[in-house]
Amino acid sequence: MPASDASPDVPDQLEIYREMTGEQRLLLALEMSMRTKELTKAKIREEYPEWSEEQVARELLRLEFLPEPLPKGF
């Protein structure tokens, strides 16, 4: 039997999610998504400190939806 880091007194994370309402799970997912975007934007700013907020936003969109850089003038 594999060892577990969780104490028997600590609820399993899956059980915590099951006990949440649909609204709570949706809000958690949205918060996680927003946090991921903020971390990605911070990484872009770190890699390209000279870029404007518009350029950072464009790169975030590219990373989310397109395999190649956005065309110039977009």
PDB file of N, CA and C in Angstrom:
ATOM      1  N   MET A   1       0.844  -1.174   0.000  1.00  0.00           N
ATOM      2  CA  MET A   1       0.000   0.000   0.000  1.00  0.00           C
ATOM      3  C   MET A   1       0.891   1.240   0.000  1.00  0.00           C
ATOM      4  N   PRO A   2       0.629   2.234  -0.920  1.00  0.00           N
ATOM      5  CA  PRO A   2       1.479   3.421  -0.977  1.00  0.00           C
ATOM      6  C   PRO A   2       1.320   4.289   0.266  1.00  0.00           C
ATOM      7  N   ALA A   3       2.413   4.925   0.646  1.00  0.00           N
ATOM      8  CA  ALA A   3       2.372   5.846   1.782  1.00  0.00           C
ATOM      9  C   ALA A   3       1.615   7.107   1.394  1.00  0.00           C
ATOM     10  N   SER A   4       0.964   7.684   2.373  1.00  0.00           N
ATOM     11  CA  SER A   4       0.193   8.905   2.127  1.00  0.00           C
ATOM     12  C   SER A   4       0.725  10.028   3.003  1.00  0.00           C
ATOM     13  N   ASP A   5       0.811  11.221   2.433  1.00  0.00           N
ATOM     14  CA  ASP A   5       1.229  12.392   3.197  1.00  0.00           C
ATOM     15  C   ASP A   5       0.071  12.952   4.008  1.00  0.00           C
ATOM     16  N   ALA A   6      -1.139  12.578   3.653  1.00  0.00           N
ATOM     17  CA  ALA A   6      -2.318  13.147   4.297  1.00  0.00           C
ATOM     18  C   ALA A   6      -2.620  12.409   5.594  1.00  0.00           C
ATOM     19  N   SER A   7      -2.917  13.185   6.585  1.00  0.00           N
ATOM     20  CA  SER A   7      -3.344  12.623   7.858  1.00  0.00           C
ATOM     21  C   SER A   7      -4.790  12.180   7.731  1.00  0.00           C
ATOM     22  N   PRO A   8      -5.214  11.154   8.442  1.00  0.00           N
ATOM     23  CA  PRO A   8      -6.612  10.721   8.366  1.00  0.00           C
ATOM     24  C   PRO A   8      -7.580  11.808   8.834  1.00  0.00           C
ATOM     25  N   ASP A   9      -7.087  12.776   9.607  1.00  0.00           N
ATOM     26  CA  ASP A   9      -7.939  13.860  10.099  1.00  0.00           C
ATOM     27  C   ASP A   9      -8.164  14.949   9.061  1.00  0.00           C
ATOM     28  N   VAL A  10      -7.329  14.995   8.027  1.00  0.00           N
ATOM     29  CA  VAL A  10      -7.421  16.038   7.005  1.00  0.00           C
ATOM     30  C   VAL A  10      -8.284  15.515   5.853  1.00  0.00           C
ATOM     31  N   PRO A  11      -9.367  16.257   5.503  1.00  0.00           N
ATOM     32  CA  PRO A  11     -10.223  15.787   4.411  1.00  0.00           C
ATOM     33  C   PRO A  11      -9.467  15.724   3.084  1.00  0.00           C
ATOM     34  N   ASP A  12      -9.773  14.736   2.293  1.00  0.00           N
ATOM     35  CA  ASP A  12      -9.195  14.597   0.971  1.00  0.00           C
ATOM     36  C   ASP A  12      -9.627  15.785   0.110  1.00  0.00           C
ATOM     37  N   GLN A  13      -8.717  16.314  -0.702  1.00  0.00           N
ATOM     38  CA  GLN A  13      -9.043  17.478  -1.536  1.00  0.00           C
ATOM     39  C   GLN A  13     -10.237  17.195  -2.433  1.00  0.00           C
ATOM     40  N   LEU A  14     -10.321  15.992  -2.972  1.00  0.00           N
ATOM     41  CA  LEU A  14     -11.444  15.638  -3.819  1.00  0.00           C
ATOM     42  C   LEU A  14     -12.760  15.727  -3.049  1.00  0.00           C
ATOM     43  N   GLU A  15     -12.744  15.312  -1.812  1.00  0.00           N
ATOM     44  CA  GLU A  15     -13.947  15.387  -0.983  1.00  0.00           C
ATOM     45  C   GLU A  15     -14.340  16.845  -0.721  1.00  0.00           C
ATOM     46  N   ILE A  16     -13.343  17.687  -0.541  1.00  0.00           N
ATOM     47  CA  ILE A  16     -13.625  19.113  -0.352  1.00  0.00           C
ATOM     48  C   ILE A  16     -14.331  19.669  -1.585  1.00  0.00           C
ATOM     49  N   TYR A  17     -13.829  19.323  -2.777  1.00  0.00           N
ATOM     50  CA  TYR A  17     -14.471  19.791  -4.005  1.00  0.00           C
ATOM     51  C   TYR A  17     -15.890  19.246  -4.130  1.00  0.00           C
ATOM     52  N   ARG A  18     -16.084  18.001  -3.750  1.00  0.00           N
ATOM     53  CA  ARG A  18     -17.420  17.408  -3.840  1.00  0.00           C
ATOM     54  C   ARG A  18     -18.414  18.111  -2.922  1.00  0.00           C
ATOM     55  N   GLU A  19     -17.939  18.606  -1.805  1.00  0.00           N
ATOM     56  CA  GLU A  19     -18.818  19.278  -0.852  1.00  0.00           C
ATOM     57  C   GLU A  19     -19.137  20.718  -1.262  1.00  0.00           C
ATOM     58  N   MET A  20     -18.382  21.257  -2.215  1.00  0.00           N
ATOM     59  CA  MET A  20     -18.625  22.626  -2.672  1.00  0.00           C
ATOM     60  C   MET A  20     -19.852  22.659  -3.577  1.00  0.00           C
ATOM     61  N   THR A  21     -20.541  23.780  -3.551  1.00  0.00           N
ATOM     62  CA  THR A  21     -21.654  23.946  -4.477  1.00  0.00           C
ATOM     63  C   THR A  21     -21.097  24.186  -5.875  1.00  0.00           C
ATOM     64  N   GLY A  22     -21.951  24.063  -6.872  1.00  0.00           N
ATOM     65  CA  GLY A  22     -21.530  24.348  -8.237  1.00  0.00           C
ATOM     66  C   GLY A  22     -21.005  25.768  -8.368  1.00  0.00           C
ATOM     67  N   GLU A  23     -21.668  26.703  -7.717  1.00  0.00           N
ATOM     68  CA  GLU A  23     -21.235  28.102  -7.763  1.00  0.00           C
ATOM     69  C   GLU A  23     -19.850  28.260  -7.140  1.00  0.00           C
ATOM     70  N   GLN A  24     -19.601  27.595  -6.027  1.00  0.00           N
ATOM     71  CA  GLN A  24     -18.288  27.683  -5.381  1.00  0.00           C
ATOM     72  C   GLN A  24     -17.195  27.093  -6.268  1.00  0.00           C
ATOM     73  N   ARG A  25     -17.470  25.968  -6.912  1.00  0.00           N
ATOM     74  CA  ARG A  25     -16.479  25.360  -7.811  1.00  0.00           C
ATOM     75  C   ARG A  25     -16.208  26.257  -9.010  1.00  0.00           C
ATOM     76  N   LEU A  26     -17.272  26.881  -9.550  1.00  0.00           N
ATOM     77  CA  LEU A  26     -17.097  27.787 -10.680  1.00  0.00           C
ATOM     78  C   LEU A  26     -16.259  28.998 -10.278  1.00  0.00           C
ATOM     79  N   LEU A  27     -16.555  29.584  -9.126  1.00  0.00           N
ATOM     80  CA  LEU A  27     -15.774  30.732  -8.654  1.00  0.00           C
ATOM     81  C   LEU A  27     -14.314  30.349  -8.426  1.00  0.00           C
ATOM     82  N   LEU A  28     -14.073  29.171  -7.875  1.00  0.00           N
ATOM     83  CA  LEU A  28     -12.707  28.711  -7.665  1.00  0.00           C
ATOM     84  C   LEU A  28     -11.978  28.561  -9.000  1.00  0.00           C
ATOM     85  N   ALA A  29     -12.648  27.970  -9.980  1.00  0.00           N
ATOM     86  CA  ALA A  29     -12.045  27.806 -11.303  1.00  0.00           C
ATOM     87  C   ALA A  29     -11.728  29.157 -11.930  1.00  0.00           C
ATOM     88  N   LEU A  30     -12.639  30.114 -11.804  1.00  0.00           N
ATOM     89  CA  LEU A  30     -12.405  31.455 -12.360  1.00  0.00           C
ATOM     90  C   LEU A  30     -11.238  32.142 -11.661  1.00  0.00           C
ATOM     91  N   GLU A  31     -11.176  32.017 -10.337  1.00  0.00           N
ATOM     92  CA  GLU A  31     -10.066  32.613  -9.585  1.00  0.00           C
ATOM     93  C   GLU A  31      -8.739  31.991  -9.996  1.00  0.00           C
ATOM     94  N   MET A  32      -8.722  30.677 -10.175  1.00  0.00           N
ATOM     95  CA  MET A  32      -7.494  29.997 -10.591  1.00  0.00           C
ATOM     96  C   MET A  32      -7.084  30.439 -11.994  1.00  0.00           C
ATOM     97  N   SER A  33      -8.052  30.602 -12.881  1.00  0.00           N
ATOM     98  CA  SER A  33      -7.772  31.049 -14.240  1.00  0.00           C
ATOM     99  C   SER A  33      -7.209  32.468 -14.234  1.00  0.00           C
ATOM    100  N   MET A  34      -7.823  33.344 -13.460  1.00  0.00           N
ATOM    101  CA  MET A  34      -7.348  34.728 -13.388  1.00  0.00           C
ATOM    102  C   MET A  34      -5.943  34.786 -12.806  1.00  0.00           C
ATOM    103  N   ARG A  35      -5.678  33.985 -11.789  1.00  0.00           N
ATOM    104  CA  ARG A  35      -4.351  33.969 -11.169  1.00  0.00           C
ATOM    105  C   ARG A  35      -3.303  33.452 -12.161  1.00  0.00           C
ATOM    106  N   THR A  36      -3.658  32.438 -12.928  1.00  0.00           N
ATOM    107  CA  THR A  36      -2.746  31.901 -13.937  1.00  0.00           C
ATOM    108  C   THR A  36      -2.412  32.964 -14.968  1.00  0.00           C
ATOM    109  N   LYS A  37      -3.410  33.724 -15.406  1.00  0.00           N
ATOM    110  CA  LYS A  37      -3.160  34.802 -16.374  1.00  0.00           C
ATOM    111  C   LYS A  37      -2.235  35.857 -15.788  1.00  0.00           C
ATOM    112  N   GLU A  38      -2.436  36.223 -14.523  1.00  0.00           N
ATOM    113  CA  GLU A  38      -1.572  37.224 -13.892  1.00  0.00           C
ATOM    114  C   GLU A  38      -0.141  36.721 -13.780  1.00  0.00           C
ATOM    115  N   LEU A  39       0.037  35.452 -13.446  1.00  0.00           N
ATOM    116  CA  LEU A  39       1.386  34.882 -13.375  1.00  0.00           C
ATOM    117  C   LEU A  39       2.041  34.840 -14.754  1.00  0.00           C
ATOM    118  N   THR A  40       1.260  34.517 -15.776  1.00  0.00           N
ATOM    119  CA  THR A  40       1.785  34.488 -17.139  1.00  0.00           C
ATOM    120  C   THR A  40       2.187  35.891 -17.582  1.00  0.00           C
ATOM    121  N   LYS A  41       1.352  36.873 -17.282  1.00  0.00           N
ATOM    122  CA  LYS A  41       1.694  38.260 -17.627  1.00  0.00           C
ATOM    123  C   LYS A  41       2.958  38.703 -16.905  1.00  0.00           C
ATOM    124  N   ALA A  42       3.120  38.309 -15.648  1.00  0.00           N
ATOM    125  CA  ALA A  42       4.327  38.667 -14.908  1.00  0.00           C
ATOM    126  C   ALA A  42       5.558  38.045 -15.554  1.00  0.00           C
ATOM    127  N   LYS A  43       5.431  36.809 -16.024  1.00  0.00           N
ATOM    128  CA  LYS A  43       6.550  36.147 -16.703  1.00  0.00           C
ATOM    129  C   LYS A  43       6.895  36.849 -18.011  1.00  0.00           C
ATOM    130  N   ILE A  44       5.871  37.258 -18.760  1.00  0.00           N
ATOM    131  CA  ILE A  44       6.103  37.996 -20.011  1.00  0.00           C
ATOM    132  C   ILE A  44       6.822  39.305 -19.710  1.00  0.00           C
ATOM    133  N   ARG A  45       6.356  40.028 -18.677  1.00  0.00           N
ATOM    134  CA  ARG A  45       6.999  41.304 -18.314  1.00  0.00           C
ATOM    135  C   ARG A  45       8.456  41.088 -17.903  1.00  0.00           C
ATOM    136  N   GLU A  46       8.706  39.976 -17.220  1.00  0.00           N
ATOM    137  CA  GLU A  46      10.074  39.661 -16.810  1.00  0.00           C
ATOM    138  C   GLU A  46      10.957  39.397 -18.024  1.00  0.00           C
ATOM    139  N   GLU A  47      10.422  38.676 -19.006  1.00  0.00           N
ATOM    140  CA  GLU A  47      11.194  38.351 -20.203  1.00  0.00           C
ATOM    141  C   GLU A  47      11.350  39.546 -21.139  1.00  0.00           C
ATOM    142  N   TYR A  48      10.361  40.429 -21.151  1.00  0.00           N
ATOM    143  CA  TYR A  48      10.363  41.582 -22.063  1.00  0.00           C
ATOM    144  C   TYR A  48      10.026  42.853 -21.284  1.00  0.00           C
ATOM    145  N   PRO A  49      10.933  43.335 -20.439  1.00  0.00           N
ATOM    146  CA  PRO A  49      10.634  44.500 -19.594  1.00  0.00           C
ATOM    147  C   PRO A  49      10.364  45.783 -20.385  1.00  0.00           C
ATOM    148  N   GLU A  50      10.821  45.832 -21.623  1.00  0.00           N
ATOM    149  CA  GLU A  50      10.621  47.040 -22.436  1.00  0.00           C
ATOM    150  C   GLU A  50       9.236  47.082 -23.089  1.00  0.00           C
ATOM    151  N   TRP A  51       8.478  46.004 -23.031  1.00  0.00           N
ATOM    152  CA  TRP A  51       7.178  45.941 -23.700  1.00  0.00           C
ATOM    153  C   TRP A  51       6.119  46.765 -22.968  1.00  0.00           C
ATOM    154  N   SER A  52       5.237  47.345 -23.753  1.00  0.00           N
ATOM    155  CA  SER A  52       4.092  48.082 -23.202  1.00  0.00           C
ATOM    156  C   SER A  52       3.042  47.089 -22.707  1.00  0.00           C
ATOM    157  N   GLU A  53       2.050  47.600 -21.978  1.00  0.00           N
ATOM    158  CA  GLU A  53       0.953  46.744 -21.509  1.00  0.00           C
ATOM    159  C   GLU A  53       0.198  46.130 -22.687  1.00  0.00           C
ATOM    160  N   GLU A  54       0.088  46.887 -23.773  1.00  0.00           N
ATOM    161  CA  GLU A  54      -0.586  46.360 -24.964  1.00  0.00           C
ATOM    162  C   GLU A  54       0.184  45.171 -25.540  1.00  0.00           C
ATOM    163  N   GLN A  55       1.494  45.288 -25.605  1.00  0.00           N
ATOM    164  CA  GLN A  55       2.304  44.190 -26.122  1.00  0.00           C
ATOM    165  C   GLN A  55       2.216  42.961 -25.216  1.00  0.00           C
ATOM    166  N   VAL A  56       2.195  43.198 -23.906  1.00  0.00           N
ATOM    167  CA  VAL A  56       2.060  42.093 -22.960  1.00  0.00           C
ATOM    168  C   VAL A  56       0.708  41.401 -23.155  1.00  0.00           C
ATOM    169  N   ALA A  57      -0.345  42.184 -23.304  1.00  0.00           N
ATOM    170  CA  ALA A  57      -1.682  41.625 -23.512  1.00  0.00           C
ATOM    171  C   ALA A  57      -1.748  40.824 -24.811  1.00  0.00           C
ATOM    172  N   ARG A  58      -1.108  41.337 -25.860  1.00  0.00           N
ATOM    173  CA  ARG A  58      -1.090  40.615 -27.136  1.00  0.00           C
ATOM    174  C   ARG A  58      -0.359  39.282 -27.013  1.00  0.00           C
ATOM    175  N   GLU A  59       0.758  39.294 -26.298  1.00  0.00           N
ATOM    176  CA  GLU A  59       1.508  38.053 -26.117  1.00  0.00           C
ATOM    177  C   GLU A  59       0.702  37.054 -25.278  1.00  0.00           C
ATOM    178  N   LEU A  60      -0.006  37.530 -24.284  1.00  0.00           N
ATOM    179  CA  LEU A  60      -0.860  36.654 -23.489  1.00  0.00           C
ATOM    180  C   LEU A  60      -1.917  35.997 -24.374  1.00  0.00           C
ATOM    181  N   LEU A  61      -2.536  36.771 -25.251  1.00  0.00           N
ATOM    182  CA  LEU A  61      -3.515  36.212 -26.187  1.00  0.00           C
ATOM    183  C   LEU A  61      -2.872  35.181 -27.108  1.00  0.00           C
ATOM    184  N   ARG A  62      -1.692  35.501 -27.593  1.00  0.00           N
ATOM    185  CA  ARG A  62      -1.005  34.564 -28.476  1.00  0.00           C
ATOM    186  C   ARG A  62      -0.732  33.246 -27.761  1.00  0.00           C
ATOM    187  N   LEU A  63      -0.242  33.340 -26.545  1.00  0.00           N
ATOM    188  CA  LEU A  63       0.060  32.124 -25.798  1.00  0.00           C
ATOM    189  C   LEU A  63      -1.195  31.305 -25.516  1.00  0.00           C
ATOM    190  N   GLU A  64      -2.317  31.988 -25.322  1.00  0.00           N
ATOM    191  CA  GLU A  64      -3.561  31.285 -25.018  1.00  0.00           C
ATOM    192  C   GLU A  64      -4.191  30.646 -26.247  1.00  0.00           C
ATOM    193  N   PHE A  65      -4.097  31.318 -27.409  1.00  0.00           N
ATOM    194  CA  PHE A  65      -4.914  30.888 -28.536  1.00  0.00           C
ATOM    195  C   PHE A  65      -4.183  30.576 -29.829  1.00  0.00           C
ATOM    196  N   LEU A  66      -3.006  31.116 -30.038  1.00  0.00           N
ATOM    197  CA  LEU A  66      -2.347  30.967 -31.331  1.00  0.00           C
ATOM    198  C   LEU A  66      -0.971  30.322 -31.187  1.00  0.00           C
ATOM    199  N   PRO A  67      -0.626  29.440 -32.116  1.00  0.00           N
ATOM    200  CA  PRO A  67       0.695  28.816 -32.044  1.00  0.00           C
ATOM    201  C   PRO A  67       1.820  29.726 -32.528  1.00  0.00           C
ATOM    202  N   GLU A  68       1.487  30.747 -33.299  1.00  0.00           N
ATOM    203  CA  GLU A  68       2.497  31.647 -33.856  1.00  0.00           C
ATOM    204  C   GLU A  68       2.258  33.072 -33.350  1.00  0.00           C
ATOM    205  N   PRO A  69       3.281  33.944 -33.432  1.00  0.00           N
ATOM    206  CA  PRO A  69       3.082  35.334 -33.017  1.00  0.00           C
ATOM    207  C   PRO A  69       1.971  36.002 -33.836  1.00  0.00           C
ATOM    208  N   LEU A  70       1.325  36.989 -33.213  1.00  0.00           N
ATOM    209  CA  LEU A  70       0.294  37.752 -33.924  1.00  0.00           C
ATOM    210  C   LEU A  70       0.941  38.537 -35.057  1.00  0.00           C
ATOM    211  N   PRO A  71       0.235  38.715 -36.172  1.00  0.00           N
ATOM    212  CA  PRO A  71       0.795  39.498 -37.282  1.00  0.00           C
ATOM    213  C   PRO A  71       0.965  40.955 -36.886  1.00  0.00           C
ATOM    214  N   LYS A  72       1.920  41.613 -37.488  1.00  0.00           N
ATOM    215  CA  LYS A  72       2.135  43.049 -37.218  1.00  0.00           C
ATOM    216  C   LYS A  72       0.883  43.836 -37.599  1.00  0.00           C
ATOM    217  N   GLY A  73       0.609  44.852 -36.805  1.00  0.00           N
ATOM    218  CA  GLY A  73      -0.544  45.701 -37.065  1.00  0.00           C
ATOM    219  C   GLY A  73      -1.859  45.158 -36.536  1.00  0.00           C
ATOM    220  N   PHE A  74      -1.804  44.023 -35.839  1.00  0.00           N
ATOM    221  CA  PHE A  74      -3.032  43.447 -35.304  1.00  0.00           C
ATOM    222  C   PHE A  74      -3.334  44.053 -33.970  1.00  0.00           C
TER     223      PHE A  74
END
